[in-house]
Amino acid sequence: MGVFLKHTAGREIRGYAGMLAGSVLYGAAYSWFLFPFRVSPGGVGGLSQILYRFTSLPESFWMLCFNIPLFILGWISIGRQFGLKSFVGAMVSTGMCWVFMPSHFSFLPDYASLVHNLAGAGEPARLAFFLDGRNPVDILLASIAGSTGLGIGLGIIFRFGGSTGGTDIPVAILRKYTGLSMSSGYWVVESLIILASGFAFSDAPLVIWAYLNLFLCSRMTDLAAEGMPYVRAAFIISSKSESIRDAILEELDRGVTFLKAEGGFARRPKEVIYVCVHRRQVRLLEEIVRSIDPHAFMVLHDAYDVMGYGFRRRTLAFDDPQE
C-alpha cells in the first residue's frame, strides 16, 4: 500500500509540474506575441483581445471571467471529465498570461522602450510600437513564435492530464447535444471567434493571420501531446506471410502479430501481418516484402507512444521508469 501511495503521489507531482511548465509557455506566447499583435488563434484568447479593445481591461482578466463560468457549465453539462486537473490547468494558464504581461518586466533594461509603448495609453499606444507601418514580417514572426509556443504549452498541459478550459467546453457540449464531431465543433467555434475578431478590429488580414496561427498551434499541440511519430506500423497481406514473418524476425529483429481476416471479394480467410518498426527500418521492410512477394498489399501509418520490447519504455501500471 505504501509503494502504491508513493507512486501515485509521484505521478501527481509530476503531472502538476508538467502542467505548470506548459502554462508558462502558454502565458508567454499569449502575452509576448499574440496579444500585442492581435493575432490570437480564436478561443478564449481571441474573445479576450476583442474585449480588451473596447474596455482596456487586461486580456488575462477576461480569460478568467470566461473560464470560470465555462468550467462550471462544463461540469454541469458534461460531468467529471472537467475535474480538478482541468480546473487547475485553466486557472494556472490564465494566471500565467497575467504574470507575463510586458508591463511586469520593467526592471529589465532591454524592455524599457517596449513596456513604455505597451503600457502607455491603452490600445492605440500599445499597438503603435508593433503595428506602425503594418510590417508583415514582424507579424509573421510573432505569429510563428506565439503559435508555436502556445501549441507546445497546450500539448504539455494535455499530456499531463490538464485542460485550459476555454472552447474545449462549448465544443464538448456541442458534441454531446448535436452529435457534431470534435474537429467540426472546433472549426465552428474558432471560426466564429476569429471572424468576430476581424470585425471588431476592422482588419480583414487579421482573419488570415488568425487562421494561420490556428493551424500551426493545432499541429504543435498534437506534436507536444503525442510526441514525434518515430515509429511506423504496417499491415501486410500476402499469400507468403510465413516467409515474410521469418525475414522480419531475422533481418529486423521485430516481433509480428498475425491477425485473422477475410477477403471482401472471395470471402476467403487471410492472415494479416501487423508489425511496428523504427522509421529507419521502413525502407528495409519494404524491400523484404517486395523481394518475397511482389504482389503483397502493405499499408504504412504513423504510430505514437509505442510501448514494449525495442521501443520507448513508458510507465505501465505502477513501475517507476527510473528504476
Protein backbone atom coordinates (compact mmCIF):
# COMPACT_ATOMS: atom_id res chain seq x y z
CA MET A 1 0.00 0.00 0.00
CA GLY A 2 2.87 2.35 0.84
CA VAL A 3 4.51 1.74 -2.57
CA PHE A 4 1.17 2.38 -4.28
CA LEU A 5 0.73 5.71 -2.48
CA LYS A 6 4.34 6.68 -3.19
CA HIS A 7 4.00 6.13 -6.93
CA THR A 8 0.58 7.77 -7.02
CA ALA A 9 1.91 10.85 -5.24
CA GLY A 10 4.93 10.93 -7.55
CA ARG A 11 2.73 10.83 -10.65
CA GLU A 12 0.53 13.58 -9.28
CA ILE A 13 3.53 15.81 -8.51
CA ARG A 14 5.00 15.21 -11.99
CA GLY A 15 1.60 15.89 -13.51
CA TYR A 16 1.14 19.26 -11.84
CA ALA A 17 4.78 20.21 -12.52
CA GLY A 18 4.27 19.41 -16.19
CA MET A 19 1.08 21.47 -16.28
CA LEU A 20 2.96 24.38 -14.71
CA ALA A 21 5.68 24.18 -17.36
CA GLY A 22 3.07 24.10 -20.13
CA SER A 23 1.25 27.04 -18.57
CA VAL A 24 4.45 29.11 -18.58
CA LEU A 25 4.79 28.64 -22.34
CA TYR A 26 1.06 29.27 -22.78
CA GLY A 27 1.18 32.58 -20.89
CA ALA A 28 4.39 33.83 -22.52
CA ALA A 29 3.11 33.02 -26.01
CA TYR A 30 -0.11 34.95 -25.50
CA SER A 31 1.27 37.95 -23.62
CA TRP A 32 4.51 38.46 -25.56
CA PHE A 33 3.47 37.62 -29.12
CA LEU A 34 -0.22 37.00 -29.81
CA PHE A 35 -1.98 39.70 -27.78
CA PRO A 36 0.30 42.60 -28.80
CA PHE A 37 -0.15 41.76 -32.48
CA ARG A 38 -3.87 40.92 -32.17
CA VAL A 39 -3.36 37.53 -33.83
CA SER A 40 -4.80 35.11 -31.26
CA PRO A 41 -5.90 31.87 -32.97
CA GLY A 42 -9.51 32.04 -31.78
CA GLY A 43 -10.55 30.60 -28.45
CA VAL A 44 -10.98 32.48 -25.19
CA GLY A 45 -7.81 34.40 -26.03
CA GLY A 46 -9.45 35.77 -29.17
CA LEU A 47 -12.57 36.83 -27.28
CA SER A 48 -10.42 38.44 -24.60
CA GLN A 49 -8.44 40.53 -27.05
CA ILE A 50 -11.72 41.80 -28.54
CA LEU A 51 -12.96 42.89 -25.11
CA TYR A 52 -9.60 44.48 -24.34
CA ARG A 53 -10.12 46.56 -27.47
CA PHE A 54 -13.29 48.07 -26.01
CA THR A 55 -12.54 48.14 -22.27
CA SER A 56 -8.73 48.34 -21.88
CA LEU A 57 -9.00 45.70 -19.13
CA PRO A 58 -6.21 43.08 -19.45
CA GLU A 59 -6.89 40.01 -21.55
CA SER A 60 -5.97 37.78 -18.60
CA PHE A 61 -8.86 39.31 -16.65
CA TRP A 62 -11.33 38.48 -19.40
CA MET A 63 -9.90 34.99 -19.80
CA LEU A 64 -10.56 34.37 -16.11
CA CYS A 65 -14.10 35.77 -16.48
CA PHE A 66 -14.77 33.35 -19.33
CA ASN A 67 -13.06 30.26 -17.92
CA ILE A 68 -14.78 30.13 -14.52
CA PRO A 69 -18.39 30.07 -15.82
CA LEU A 70 -17.37 27.84 -18.74
CA PHE A 71 -15.82 25.35 -16.32
CA ILE A 72 -18.98 25.34 -14.19
CA LEU A 73 -21.08 24.87 -17.33
CA GLY A 74 -18.85 22.00 -18.45
CA TRP A 75 -19.06 20.32 -15.03
CA ILE A 76 -22.88 20.53 -15.09
CA SER A 77 -23.34 19.55 -18.74
CA ILE A 78 -20.54 17.04 -19.34
CA GLY A 79 -19.66 15.77 -15.89
CA ARG A 80 -16.43 14.90 -14.13
CA GLN A 81 -14.44 14.95 -17.35
CA PHE A 82 -13.71 18.51 -16.24
CA GLY A 83 -12.17 17.62 -12.90
CA LEU A 84 -9.55 19.11 -10.62
CA LYS A 85 -6.69 18.97 -13.13
CA SER A 86 -8.79 20.71 -15.76
CA PHE A 87 -9.66 23.47 -13.29
CA VAL A 88 -6.05 23.86 -12.14
CA GLY A 89 -4.81 23.90 -15.74
CA ALA A 90 -7.31 26.57 -16.72
CA MET A 91 -6.56 28.79 -13.73
CA VAL A 92 -2.76 28.46 -13.84
CA SER A 93 -2.54 29.04 -17.61
CA THR A 94 -4.77 32.09 -17.28
CA GLY A 95 -2.66 33.35 -14.39
CA MET A 96 0.49 33.00 -16.47
CA CYS A 97 -0.99 35.33 -19.08
CA TRP A 98 -1.11 37.96 -16.33
CA VAL A 99 2.36 37.09 -14.99
CA PHE A 100 3.96 37.55 -18.41
CA MET A 101 2.34 40.87 -19.22
CA PRO A 102 5.21 43.02 -20.61
CA SER A 103 4.49 45.78 -18.08
CA HIS A 104 5.62 43.38 -15.33
CA PHE A 105 9.14 43.27 -16.80
CA SER A 106 10.02 46.93 -16.49
CA PHE A 107 13.02 46.00 -14.31
CA LEU A 108 14.77 44.65 -17.42
CA PRO A 109 16.71 47.41 -19.26
CA ASP A 110 16.05 45.92 -22.70
CA TYR A 111 12.30 46.07 -22.05
CA ALA A 112 12.21 49.75 -21.16
CA SER A 113 11.04 51.09 -24.51
CA LEU A 114 8.81 48.07 -25.08
CA VAL A 115 6.99 48.44 -21.78
CA HIS A 116 6.62 52.19 -22.31
CA ASN A 117 4.77 51.59 -25.57
CA LEU A 118 2.79 48.55 -24.47
CA ALA A 119 1.53 50.06 -21.21
CA GLY A 120 1.30 53.66 -22.37
CA ALA A 121 -2.24 54.77 -23.03
CA GLY A 122 -4.38 51.79 -23.81
CA GLU A 123 -4.96 50.12 -27.15
CA PRO A 124 -3.59 52.75 -29.58
CA ALA A 125 -0.31 53.24 -27.70
CA ARG A 126 0.10 49.54 -27.03
CA LEU A 127 -0.22 48.60 -30.68
CA ALA A 128 1.64 51.54 -32.17
CA PHE A 129 5.01 50.11 -31.20
CA PHE A 130 4.38 46.88 -33.08
CA LEU A 131 1.97 47.72 -35.85
CA ASP A 132 3.16 51.09 -37.07
CA GLY A 133 3.54 50.58 -40.81
CA ARG A 134 1.88 47.15 -40.60
CA ASN A 135 5.16 45.33 -41.14
CA PRO A 136 4.04 41.86 -42.27
CA VAL A 137 7.42 40.34 -41.42
CA ASP A 138 7.05 41.31 -37.75
CA ILE A 139 3.51 39.94 -37.67
CA LEU A 140 4.64 36.71 -39.32
CA LEU A 141 7.49 36.24 -36.83
CA ALA A 142 5.16 36.97 -33.91
CA SER A 143 2.59 34.54 -35.32
CA ILE A 144 5.13 31.75 -35.70
CA ALA A 145 6.71 32.30 -32.28
CA GLY A 146 3.39 32.76 -30.49
CA SER A 147 1.55 29.87 -32.13
CA THR A 148 4.49 27.51 -31.68
CA GLY A 149 4.85 28.39 -28.00
CA LEU A 150 1.11 28.23 -27.44
CA GLY A 151 0.79 24.87 -29.19
CA ILE A 152 3.67 23.31 -27.25
CA GLY A 153 2.31 24.69 -23.98
CA LEU A 154 -1.17 23.32 -24.68
CA GLY A 155 0.27 19.95 -25.70
CA ILE A 156 2.28 19.67 -22.48
CA ILE A 157 -0.79 20.57 -20.39
CA PHE A 158 -2.89 17.96 -22.23
CA ARG A 159 -0.12 15.37 -21.94
CA PHE A 160 -0.19 15.65 -18.16
CA GLY A 161 -3.98 15.34 -17.96
CA GLY A 162 -4.91 19.01 -17.68
CA SER A 163 -7.01 21.37 -19.73
CA THR A 164 -7.14 25.10 -20.32
CA GLY A 165 -10.92 25.23 -20.34
CA GLY A 166 -11.98 27.77 -22.93
CA THR A 167 -13.52 26.47 -26.13
CA ASP A 168 -12.88 22.84 -25.12
CA ILE A 169 -16.07 23.10 -23.07
CA PRO A 170 -18.55 24.52 -25.63
CA VAL A 171 -17.15 22.08 -28.20
CA ALA A 172 -17.71 19.15 -25.82
CA ILE A 173 -21.26 20.39 -25.17
CA LEU A 174 -21.91 20.72 -28.92
CA ARG A 175 -20.71 17.17 -29.42
CA LYS A 176 -22.92 15.82 -26.66
CA TYR A 177 -26.14 17.52 -27.73
CA THR A 178 -25.77 17.81 -31.52
CA GLY A 179 -23.58 14.82 -32.41
CA LEU A 180 -21.10 17.16 -34.14
CA SER A 181 -17.59 15.76 -34.31
CA MET A 182 -14.86 17.36 -32.19
CA SER A 183 -12.97 18.64 -35.24
CA SER A 184 -16.11 20.17 -36.76
CA GLY A 185 -17.07 21.66 -33.41
CA TYR A 186 -13.68 23.34 -33.04
CA TRP A 187 -13.89 24.65 -36.59
CA VAL A 188 -17.31 26.22 -35.97
CA VAL A 189 -16.46 27.77 -32.60
CA GLU A 190 -13.00 29.03 -33.55
CA SER A 191 -14.22 30.42 -36.87
CA LEU A 192 -16.94 32.44 -35.17
CA ILE A 193 -14.38 33.93 -32.77
CA ILE A 194 -11.82 34.66 -35.50
CA LEU A 195 -14.41 36.35 -37.72
CA ALA A 196 -15.68 38.37 -34.76
CA SER A 197 -12.10 39.48 -34.05
CA GLY A 198 -11.60 40.62 -37.63
CA PHE A 199 -14.88 42.54 -37.49
CA ALA A 200 -14.10 44.15 -34.11
CA PHE A 201 -10.72 45.42 -35.29
CA SER A 202 -11.98 46.22 -38.81
CA ASP A 203 -8.97 44.39 -40.16
CA ALA A 204 -9.58 41.55 -42.64
CA PRO A 205 -5.91 40.41 -42.83
CA LEU A 206 -6.07 39.56 -39.12
CA VAL A 207 -8.53 36.80 -40.01
CA ILE A 208 -5.94 35.25 -42.31
CA TRP A 209 -3.21 35.53 -39.67
CA ALA A 210 -5.51 34.00 -37.05
CA TYR A 211 -6.34 31.01 -39.26
CA LEU A 212 -2.63 30.51 -39.95
CA ASN A 213 -1.99 30.58 -36.21
CA LEU A 214 -4.85 28.17 -35.54
CA PHE A 215 -3.36 25.64 -37.96
CA LEU A 216 0.19 25.98 -36.62
CA CYS A 217 -0.96 25.88 -33.00
CA SER A 218 -3.02 22.71 -33.55
CA ARG A 219 -0.07 20.94 -35.22
CA MET A 220 2.31 21.86 -32.42
CA THR A 221 -0.26 20.82 -29.81
CA ASP A 222 -0.52 17.37 -31.38
CA LEU A 223 3.27 17.09 -31.55
CA ALA A 224 3.79 18.06 -27.91
CA ALA A 225 0.88 15.94 -26.62
CA GLU A 226 1.58 12.78 -28.64
CA GLY A 227 5.29 13.04 -29.43
CA MET A 228 7.10 12.58 -32.71
CA PRO A 229 5.79 9.68 -34.78
CA TYR A 230 9.18 7.98 -34.80
CA VAL A 231 7.60 4.56 -35.32
CA ARG A 232 5.78 3.25 -38.37
CA ALA A 233 3.25 0.46 -38.22
CA ALA A 234 2.48 -1.78 -41.17
CA PHE A 235 -0.36 -4.07 -42.20
CA ILE A 236 0.86 -6.68 -44.70
CA ILE A 237 -1.46 -9.01 -46.62
CA SER A 238 0.31 -11.76 -48.56
CA SER A 239 -0.01 -15.39 -49.57
CA LYS A 240 3.58 -15.83 -48.33
CA SER A 241 3.04 -14.49 -44.83
CA GLU A 242 5.20 -17.16 -43.15
CA SER A 243 8.24 -16.29 -45.27
CA ILE A 244 7.72 -12.57 -44.63
CA ARG A 245 7.39 -13.27 -40.91
CA ASP A 246 10.69 -15.18 -40.83
CA ALA A 247 12.51 -12.43 -42.73
CA ILE A 248 11.22 -9.69 -40.42
CA LEU A 249 12.30 -11.64 -37.35
CA GLU A 250 15.77 -12.35 -38.77
CA GLU A 251 16.53 -9.11 -40.63
CA LEU A 252 14.76 -6.51 -38.48
CA ASP A 253 14.61 -8.24 -35.09
CA ARG A 254 10.97 -7.22 -34.76
CA GLY A 255 8.08 -9.27 -33.47
CA VAL A 256 4.98 -9.63 -35.62
CA THR A 257 1.33 -10.33 -34.92
CA PHE A 258 -0.95 -12.38 -37.18
CA LEU A 259 -4.48 -11.04 -37.49
CA LYS A 260 -7.24 -13.27 -38.82
CA ALA A 261 -9.16 -11.61 -41.66
CA GLU A 262 -11.45 -12.43 -44.54
CA GLY A 263 -11.20 -11.19 -48.11
CA GLY A 264 -14.08 -8.92 -49.06
CA PHE A 265 -14.43 -10.25 -52.63
CA ALA A 266 -13.93 -14.02 -52.45
CA ARG A 267 -14.71 -14.23 -48.70
CA ARG A 268 -11.67 -16.43 -48.18
CA PRO A 269 -9.73 -16.42 -44.89
CA LYS A 270 -6.48 -14.46 -44.87
CA GLU A 271 -3.66 -13.74 -42.47
CA VAL A 272 -2.63 -10.12 -41.96
CA ILE A 273 0.81 -9.35 -40.53
CA TYR A 274 0.96 -6.38 -38.16
CA VAL A 275 4.42 -5.05 -37.29
CA CYS A 276 5.93 -1.87 -35.83
CA VAL A 277 9.37 -0.67 -36.97
CA HIS A 278 11.53 2.41 -36.50
CA ARG A 279 11.43 4.89 -39.34
CA ARG A 280 14.95 3.98 -40.45
CA GLN A 281 13.79 0.38 -40.94
CA VAL A 282 10.85 1.20 -43.20
CA ARG A 283 12.89 1.02 -46.39
CA LEU A 284 14.32 -2.39 -45.44
CA LEU A 285 10.83 -3.66 -44.57
CA GLU A 286 9.56 -2.61 -47.98
CA GLU A 287 12.47 -4.40 -49.69
CA ILE A 288 11.86 -7.56 -47.66
CA VAL A 289 8.17 -7.68 -48.57
CA ARG A 290 8.78 -6.82 -52.24
CA SER A 291 11.52 -9.46 -52.64
CA ILE A 292 9.40 -12.23 -51.13
CA ASP A 293 6.03 -11.31 -52.62
CA PRO A 294 5.89 -8.54 -55.27
CA HIS A 295 2.09 -8.73 -55.16
CA ALA A 296 1.78 -8.24 -51.39
CA PHE A 297 -0.53 -5.48 -50.16
CA MET A 298 1.04 -3.27 -47.48
CA VAL A 299 -0.28 -0.21 -45.62
CA LEU A 300 2.03 2.02 -43.55
CA HIS A 301 0.96 4.57 -40.95
CA ASP A 302 2.48 6.59 -38.10
CA ALA A 303 2.36 5.09 -34.62
CA TYR A 304 2.58 7.12 -31.41
CA ASP A 305 3.65 6.17 -27.90
CA VAL A 306 4.67 2.62 -28.78
CA MET A 307 5.50 0.65 -25.63
CA GLY A 308 7.23 -2.68 -25.39
CA TYR A 309 10.42 -4.53 -26.30
CA GLY A 310 12.70 -2.49 -28.55
CA PHE A 311 10.68 0.72 -28.22
CA ARG A 312 10.27 3.54 -25.75
CA ARG A 313 9.70 2.43 -22.18
CA ARG A 314 6.67 4.03 -20.61
CA THR A 315 5.10 3.74 -17.18
CA LEU A 316 2.84 0.70 -17.22
CA ALA A 317 0.84 0.13 -14.07
CA PHE A 318 2.94 1.49 -11.21
CA ASP A 319 6.51 0.77 -12.21
CA ASP A 320 9.00 3.63 -11.91
CA PRO A 321 10.63 4.43 -15.28
CA GLN A 322 13.84 5.46 -13.47
CA GLU A 323 14.28 2.11 -11.74
